[in-house]
Structures are given as structure tokens and as C-alpha cells.
N, C-alpha and C. Protein backbone atom coordinates (compact mmCIF):
# COMPACT_ATOMS: atom_id res chain seq x y z
N UNK A 1 123.87 63.97 72.67
CA UNK A 1 123.27 65.21 72.25
C UNK A 1 121.81 64.97 71.91
N UNK A 2 121.02 65.98 72.23
CA UNK A 2 119.60 65.88 71.93
C UNK A 2 119.37 66.25 70.48
N UNK A 3 118.44 65.55 69.92
CA UNK A 3 118.06 65.81 68.54
C UNK A 3 117.03 66.93 68.52
N UNK A 4 117.18 67.88 67.59
CA UNK A 4 116.24 68.99 67.50
C UNK A 4 114.89 68.47 67.01
N UNK A 5 113.83 68.88 67.73
CA UNK A 5 112.50 68.41 67.39
C UNK A 5 112.03 69.07 66.10
N UNK A 6 111.36 68.31 65.30
CA UNK A 6 110.80 68.84 64.07
C UNK A 6 109.55 69.63 64.39
N UNK A 7 109.40 70.80 63.76
CA UNK A 7 108.25 71.66 64.00
C UNK A 7 107.13 71.36 63.01
N UNK A 8 107.35 70.42 62.13
CA UNK A 8 106.38 70.14 61.08
C UNK A 8 105.25 69.27 61.62
N UNK A 9 104.03 69.70 61.34
CA UNK A 9 102.86 68.91 61.71
C UNK A 9 102.76 67.73 60.77
N UNK A 10 102.18 66.62 61.21
CA UNK A 10 102.15 65.40 60.39
C UNK A 10 101.46 65.57 59.03
N UNK A 11 100.41 66.38 58.94
CA UNK A 11 99.65 66.47 57.70
C UNK A 11 99.99 67.72 56.89
N UNK A 12 101.07 68.43 57.24
CA UNK A 12 101.41 69.68 56.56
C UNK A 12 102.67 69.45 55.73
N UNK A 13 102.61 69.87 54.48
CA UNK A 13 103.77 69.69 53.61
C UNK A 13 104.84 70.73 53.93
N UNK A 14 106.06 70.41 53.57
CA UNK A 14 107.15 71.34 53.83
C UNK A 14 107.01 72.60 52.99
N UNK A 15 106.41 72.49 51.81
CA UNK A 15 106.17 73.66 50.97
C UNK A 15 105.19 74.61 51.65
N UNK A 16 104.14 74.09 52.27
CA UNK A 16 103.17 74.91 52.99
C UNK A 16 103.82 75.60 54.18
N UNK A 17 104.69 74.88 54.88
CA UNK A 17 105.39 75.47 56.01
C UNK A 17 106.32 76.58 55.56
N UNK A 18 106.99 76.36 54.43
CA UNK A 18 107.90 77.37 53.90
C UNK A 18 107.12 78.63 53.51
N UNK A 19 105.98 78.46 52.88
CA UNK A 19 105.15 79.60 52.51
C UNK A 19 104.66 80.34 53.75
N UNK A 20 104.27 79.60 54.75
CA UNK A 20 103.80 80.22 55.99
C UNK A 20 104.92 81.01 56.65
N UNK A 21 106.13 80.47 56.64
CA UNK A 21 107.24 81.16 57.25
C UNK A 21 107.60 82.42 56.46
N UNK A 22 107.46 82.38 55.14
CA UNK A 22 107.71 83.57 54.34
C UNK A 22 106.67 84.66 54.65
N UNK A 23 105.44 84.26 54.88
CA UNK A 23 104.38 85.22 55.17
C UNK A 23 104.47 85.78 56.59
N UNK A 24 104.66 84.92 57.56
CA UNK A 24 104.57 85.32 58.96
C UNK A 24 105.91 85.44 59.66
N UNK A 25 106.97 84.90 59.09
CA UNK A 25 108.27 84.95 59.73
C UNK A 25 108.49 83.77 60.65
N UNK A 26 109.53 83.88 61.45
CA UNK A 26 109.90 82.80 62.37
C UNK A 26 108.89 82.70 63.51
N UNK A 27 108.32 81.51 63.75
CA UNK A 27 107.32 81.36 64.82
C UNK A 27 107.86 81.71 66.20
N UNK A 28 109.11 81.37 66.47
CA UNK A 28 109.69 81.69 67.78
C UNK A 28 109.76 83.21 67.98
N UNK A 29 110.12 83.92 66.91
CA UNK A 29 110.19 85.38 66.98
C UNK A 29 108.80 85.97 67.20
N UNK A 30 107.79 85.41 66.54
CA UNK A 30 106.42 85.87 66.73
C UNK A 30 105.97 85.69 68.17
N UNK A 31 106.31 84.56 68.75
CA UNK A 31 105.93 84.28 70.14
C UNK A 31 106.60 85.27 71.09
N UNK A 32 107.89 85.54 70.87
CA UNK A 32 108.60 86.50 71.73
C UNK A 32 108.01 87.90 71.60
N UNK A 33 107.70 88.32 70.37
CA UNK A 33 107.10 89.63 70.16
C UNK A 33 105.74 89.72 70.85
N UNK A 34 104.96 88.66 70.75
CA UNK A 34 103.65 88.63 71.39
C UNK A 34 103.78 88.76 72.91
N UNK A 35 104.74 88.06 73.49
CA UNK A 35 104.95 88.13 74.94
C UNK A 35 105.37 89.53 75.36
N UNK A 36 106.23 90.18 74.57
CA UNK A 36 106.65 91.55 74.88
C UNK A 36 105.47 92.50 74.82
N UNK A 37 104.62 92.33 73.81
CA UNK A 37 103.44 93.19 73.69
C UNK A 37 102.48 93.00 74.85
N UNK A 38 102.33 91.76 75.30
CA UNK A 38 101.45 91.50 76.45
C UNK A 38 102.00 92.15 77.70
N UNK A 39 103.32 92.07 77.89
CA UNK A 39 103.93 92.69 79.07
C UNK A 39 103.76 94.20 79.04
N UNK A 40 103.93 94.79 77.87
CA UNK A 40 103.78 96.25 77.75
C UNK A 40 102.33 96.66 77.97
N UNK A 41 101.39 95.86 77.51
CA UNK A 41 99.98 96.24 77.66
C UNK A 41 99.51 96.12 79.10
N UNK A 42 100.21 95.35 79.92
CA UNK A 42 99.84 95.25 81.33
C UNK A 42 100.04 96.58 82.04
N UNK A 43 101.03 97.35 81.59
CA UNK A 43 101.32 98.62 82.23
C UNK A 43 100.36 99.72 81.79
N UNK A 44 99.74 99.53 80.65
CA UNK A 44 98.83 100.52 80.11
C UNK A 44 97.44 100.28 80.71
N UNK A 45 96.92 101.29 81.37
CA UNK A 45 95.59 101.14 81.97
C UNK A 45 94.54 101.61 80.97
N UNK A 46 93.56 100.77 80.75
CA UNK A 46 92.49 101.15 79.83
C UNK A 46 91.19 101.24 80.61
N UNK A 47 90.33 102.09 80.15
CA UNK A 47 89.02 102.24 80.77
C UNK A 47 87.99 101.52 79.93
N UNK A 48 86.92 101.12 80.57
CA UNK A 48 85.84 100.47 79.84
C UNK A 48 85.25 101.40 78.80
N UNK A 49 85.22 102.70 79.10
CA UNK A 49 84.66 103.67 78.17
C UNK A 49 85.47 103.71 76.87
N UNK A 50 86.77 103.40 76.95
CA UNK A 50 87.60 103.36 75.76
C UNK A 50 87.30 102.14 74.91
N UNK A 51 86.84 101.08 75.53
CA UNK A 51 86.61 99.83 74.83
C UNK A 51 85.18 99.68 74.31
N UNK A 52 84.22 100.24 75.06
CA UNK A 52 82.81 100.04 74.74
C UNK A 52 82.09 101.38 74.60
N UNK A 53 80.94 101.32 73.97
CA UNK A 53 80.10 102.51 73.86
C UNK A 53 79.61 102.92 75.25
N UNK A 54 79.48 104.22 75.51
CA UNK A 54 79.04 104.67 76.85
C UNK A 54 77.69 104.10 77.27
N UNK A 55 76.78 103.92 76.33
CA UNK A 55 75.45 103.40 76.69
C UNK A 55 75.55 101.96 77.19
N UNK A 56 76.46 101.18 76.61
CA UNK A 56 76.65 99.80 77.03
C UNK A 56 77.23 99.76 78.44
N UNK A 57 78.22 100.60 78.69
CA UNK A 57 78.84 100.65 80.01
C UNK A 57 77.80 101.05 81.07
N UNK A 58 76.97 102.00 80.73
CA UNK A 58 75.93 102.46 81.66
C UNK A 58 74.90 101.37 81.92
N UNK A 59 74.47 100.68 80.88
CA UNK A 59 73.47 99.62 81.04
C UNK A 59 73.98 98.46 81.90
N UNK A 60 75.26 98.21 81.85
CA UNK A 60 75.85 97.10 82.60
C UNK A 60 76.37 97.53 83.97
N UNK A 61 76.05 98.76 84.38
CA UNK A 61 76.46 99.30 85.68
C UNK A 61 77.98 99.21 85.88
N UNK A 62 78.72 99.70 84.90
CA UNK A 62 80.17 99.63 84.97
C UNK A 62 80.82 101.02 84.89
N UNK A 63 80.07 102.07 85.20
CA UNK A 63 80.63 103.42 85.18
C UNK A 63 81.41 103.69 86.46
N UNK A 64 82.15 104.79 86.50
CA UNK A 64 82.90 105.14 87.71
C UNK A 64 81.96 105.42 88.87
N UNK A 65 80.82 106.02 88.57
CA UNK A 65 79.83 106.27 89.62
C UNK A 65 79.31 104.96 90.21
N UNK A 66 79.09 103.96 89.36
CA UNK A 66 78.66 102.65 89.86
C UNK A 66 79.74 102.02 90.74
N UNK A 67 81.00 102.21 90.38
CA UNK A 67 82.09 101.69 91.20
C UNK A 67 82.11 102.35 92.57
N UNK A 68 81.87 103.66 92.61
CA UNK A 68 81.83 104.37 93.89
C UNK A 68 80.68 103.86 94.76
N UNK A 69 79.54 103.63 94.14
CA UNK A 69 78.38 103.11 94.88
C UNK A 69 78.70 101.74 95.47
N UNK A 70 79.40 100.90 94.72
CA UNK A 70 79.77 99.56 95.22
C UNK A 70 80.74 99.64 96.39
N UNK A 71 81.64 100.62 96.36
CA UNK A 71 82.66 100.72 97.40
C UNK A 71 82.09 101.14 98.75
N UNK A 72 81.07 102.00 98.73
CA UNK A 72 80.47 102.46 99.99
C UNK A 72 79.58 101.36 100.57
N UNK A 73 79.54 101.29 101.88
CA UNK A 73 78.72 100.29 102.55
C UNK A 73 77.38 100.90 102.95
N UNK A 74 76.74 101.53 101.96
CA UNK A 74 75.45 102.18 102.18
C UNK A 74 74.56 101.77 101.00
N UNK A 75 73.28 101.50 101.25
CA UNK A 75 72.40 101.09 100.15
C UNK A 75 72.41 102.12 99.01
N UNK A 76 72.33 101.61 97.80
CA UNK A 76 72.41 102.46 96.62
C UNK A 76 71.31 103.52 96.60
N UNK A 77 70.11 103.15 96.99
CA UNK A 77 68.99 104.11 96.96
C UNK A 77 69.28 105.31 97.85
N UNK A 78 69.97 105.09 98.97
CA UNK A 78 70.31 106.20 99.86
C UNK A 78 71.38 107.09 99.24
N UNK A 79 72.32 106.49 98.52
CA UNK A 79 73.36 107.27 97.87
C UNK A 79 72.77 108.12 96.75
N UNK A 80 71.84 107.54 95.99
CA UNK A 80 71.20 108.26 94.89
C UNK A 80 70.36 109.41 95.43
N UNK A 81 69.62 109.19 96.52
CA UNK A 81 68.81 110.25 97.13
C UNK A 81 69.71 111.40 97.58
N UNK A 82 70.84 111.06 98.15
CA UNK A 82 71.78 112.08 98.62
C UNK A 82 72.22 112.96 97.45
N UNK A 83 72.50 112.35 96.32
CA UNK A 83 72.94 113.10 95.14
C UNK A 83 71.79 113.97 94.62
N UNK A 84 70.59 113.41 94.56
CA UNK A 84 69.44 114.14 94.03
C UNK A 84 69.03 115.31 94.93
N UNK A 85 69.09 115.11 96.24
CA UNK A 85 68.67 116.15 97.18
C UNK A 85 69.79 117.13 97.51
N UNK A 86 70.99 116.77 97.18
CA UNK A 86 72.12 117.66 97.47
C UNK A 86 72.60 117.60 98.91
N UNK A 87 72.17 116.61 99.65
CA UNK A 87 72.57 116.46 101.04
C UNK A 87 74.01 115.96 101.09
N UNK A 88 74.81 116.50 101.99
CA UNK A 88 76.20 116.08 102.08
C UNK A 88 76.41 114.97 103.10
N UNK A 89 75.42 114.75 103.98
CA UNK A 89 75.56 113.71 104.98
C UNK A 89 74.47 112.67 104.78
N UNK A 90 74.80 111.45 105.19
CA UNK A 90 73.82 110.37 105.13
C UNK A 90 73.00 110.38 106.41
N UNK A 91 71.68 110.14 106.28
CA UNK A 91 70.86 110.07 107.50
C UNK A 91 71.26 108.88 108.35
N UNK A 92 71.17 109.06 109.67
CA UNK A 92 71.52 107.96 110.58
C UNK A 92 70.40 106.96 110.71
């Protein structure tokens, strides 16, 4: 039979470990809860605007409009001119 490994760190007293367990609970349970929370957060889509101030997102070129500009294979200046002039087609 395998011997159960001790979870005690070499320089930590058993009293300190007991106090920590009273405060935080079972470490294995904490790890499982953390993994469940990470899995649940993967399904939740967050936007940069929710995380950062709008001015920061704009300065770093991370807005939805910047994403659209990146996706098109047309120079940015031409896309911006199209928006400013109201033209619906790109010049050839």
C-alpha cells in the first residue's frame, strides 16, 4: 500500500496549517472549485469594453471597428475615407 503524502511544508508548523485550513477550508476542495469556475468562465464571453475604460480600448486599437478594419484586406486609410465620404463601394 502506498503511504499518503504529507501536505505539510518543511518550515510550516502544524498549528499554522490548522489555522489556514480553518480560514480557507480544504485545499483540494478549493482547487476543484477553482477549476469549475474556470470552466464556467470559458463559456462566458466578455468584451474588452467590459474590462477596460473605453478610452483605453480606443487608444490601443481594440474596438469592434478596429477589428473590422483588420479583417478586410483593404488599407485602413481607404476604409476610413469610405466611411467619411459615405461611399458604399471601394475604388478600384
